[in-house]
Amino acid sequence: AANAALFAVAMLAAHDAGLRDQLDAFRAEQTAVARAMRVGSPA
């Protein structure tokens, strides 16, 4: 369900600069969290 929601937001963001900025910030935060994870460490 989360992937479908993100896809829907991405489609809407194509026509809404504010939403696009929020989506970009969300994705950057998720990327930073994922890069900080280490194998074997609790999430």
N, C-alpha and C. Protein backbone atom coordinates (compact mmCIF):
# COMPACT_ATOMS: atom_id res chain seq x y z
N ALA A 1 0.82 -1.19 0.00
CA ALA A 1 0.00 0.00 0.00
C ALA A 1 0.86 1.26 0.00
N ALA A 2 1.99 1.20 0.69
CA ALA A 2 2.86 2.38 0.76
C ALA A 2 3.40 2.74 -0.62
N ASN A 3 3.80 1.72 -1.39
CA ASN A 3 4.32 2.00 -2.73
C ASN A 3 3.26 2.61 -3.62
N ALA A 4 2.03 2.14 -3.51
CA ALA A 4 0.94 2.70 -4.31
C ALA A 4 0.69 4.15 -3.93
N ALA A 5 0.75 4.45 -2.64
CA ALA A 5 0.55 5.82 -2.19
C ALA A 5 1.66 6.73 -2.70
N LEU A 6 2.89 6.26 -2.62
CA LEU A 6 4.01 7.07 -3.12
C LEU A 6 3.91 7.28 -4.62
N PHE A 7 3.45 6.27 -5.34
CA PHE A 7 3.26 6.41 -6.78
C PHE A 7 2.20 7.46 -7.08
N ALA A 8 1.10 7.42 -6.34
CA ALA A 8 0.03 8.40 -6.54
C ALA A 8 0.52 9.81 -6.25
N VAL A 9 1.28 9.97 -5.19
CA VAL A 9 1.83 11.29 -4.86
C VAL A 9 2.78 11.75 -5.96
N ALA A 10 3.59 10.85 -6.48
CA ALA A 10 4.51 11.21 -7.55
C ALA A 10 3.75 11.68 -8.79
N MET A 11 2.64 11.03 -9.08
CA MET A 11 1.83 11.45 -10.24
C MET A 11 1.26 12.85 -10.02
N LEU A 12 0.76 13.10 -8.82
CA LEU A 12 0.22 14.43 -8.51
C LEU A 12 1.32 15.49 -8.48
N ALA A 13 2.51 15.11 -8.02
CA ALA A 13 3.62 16.04 -7.89
C ALA A 13 4.13 16.52 -9.25
N ALA A 14 3.80 15.79 -10.30
CA ALA A 14 4.22 16.20 -11.64
C ALA A 14 3.61 17.54 -12.02
N HIS A 15 2.50 17.90 -11.36
CA HIS A 15 1.80 19.15 -11.68
C HIS A 15 1.71 20.11 -10.51
N ASP A 16 2.43 19.81 -9.43
CA ASP A 16 2.35 20.63 -8.21
C ASP A 16 3.75 20.78 -7.62
N ALA A 17 4.33 21.97 -7.79
CA ALA A 17 5.71 22.20 -7.36
C ALA A 17 5.88 22.03 -5.85
N GLY A 18 4.92 22.47 -5.07
CA GLY A 18 5.02 22.33 -3.61
C GLY A 18 5.02 20.88 -3.19
N LEU A 19 4.14 20.11 -3.78
CA LEU A 19 4.07 18.68 -3.49
C LEU A 19 5.35 17.99 -3.95
N ARG A 20 5.87 18.40 -5.09
CA ARG A 20 7.12 17.83 -5.61
C ARG A 20 8.26 18.09 -4.63
N ASP A 21 8.33 19.30 -4.08
CA ASP A 21 9.38 19.62 -3.11
C ASP A 21 9.26 18.75 -1.86
N GLN A 22 8.03 18.56 -1.39
CA GLN A 22 7.82 17.72 -0.21
C GLN A 22 8.20 16.27 -0.50
N LEU A 23 7.86 15.78 -1.67
CA LEU A 23 8.20 14.41 -2.04
C LEU A 23 9.71 14.25 -2.16
N ASP A 24 10.37 15.23 -2.75
CA ASP A 24 11.84 15.18 -2.86
C ASP A 24 12.48 15.15 -1.48
N ALA A 25 11.97 15.96 -0.54
CA ALA A 25 12.50 15.98 0.82
C ALA A 25 12.28 14.64 1.51
N PHE A 26 11.09 14.07 1.32
CA PHE A 26 10.79 12.76 1.91
C PHE A 26 11.74 11.70 1.37
N ARG A 27 11.94 11.71 0.08
CA ARG A 27 12.83 10.71 -0.54
C ARG A 27 14.26 10.89 -0.07
N ALA A 28 14.71 12.13 0.07
CA ALA A 28 16.07 12.38 0.55
C ALA A 28 16.24 11.87 1.98
N GLU A 29 15.22 12.09 2.81
CA GLU A 29 15.28 11.61 4.19
C GLU A 29 15.31 10.09 4.23
N GLN A 30 14.49 9.44 3.43
CA GLN A 30 14.46 7.98 3.38
C GLN A 30 15.80 7.43 2.89
N THR A 31 16.40 8.09 1.92
CA THR A 31 17.70 7.66 1.41
C THR A 31 18.76 7.77 2.49
N ALA A 32 18.76 8.87 3.24
CA ALA A 32 19.73 9.05 4.32
C ALA A 32 19.57 7.98 5.39
N VAL A 33 18.33 7.66 5.74
CA VAL A 33 18.08 6.62 6.74
C VAL A 33 18.59 5.28 6.24
N ALA A 34 18.31 4.96 5.00
CA ALA A 34 18.74 3.67 4.43
C ALA A 34 20.27 3.58 4.37
N ARG A 35 20.92 4.68 4.00
CA ARG A 35 22.38 4.66 3.91
C ARG A 35 23.03 4.56 5.28
N ALA A 36 22.35 5.02 6.31
CA ALA A 36 22.90 4.96 7.67
C ALA A 36 22.76 3.57 8.29
N MET A 37 21.91 2.73 7.72
CA MET A 37 21.70 1.39 8.26
C MET A 37 22.92 0.52 8.02
N ARG A 38 23.15 -0.36 8.98
CA ARG A 38 24.25 -1.31 8.86
C ARG A 38 23.69 -2.71 9.01
N VAL A 39 24.27 -3.65 8.32
CA VAL A 39 23.83 -5.04 8.39
C VAL A 39 24.00 -5.54 9.82
N GLY A 40 22.95 -6.15 10.35
CA GLY A 40 23.02 -6.71 11.69
C GLY A 40 22.62 -5.75 12.79
N SER A 41 22.41 -4.48 12.46
CA SER A 41 22.00 -3.53 13.49
C SER A 41 20.48 -3.40 13.49
N PRO A 42 19.90 -3.16 14.64
CA PRO A 42 18.44 -2.97 14.68
C PRO A 42 18.04 -1.71 13.94
N ALA A 43 16.90 -1.73 13.29
CA ALA A 43 16.44 -0.58 12.50
C ALA A 43 15.87 0.51 13.37
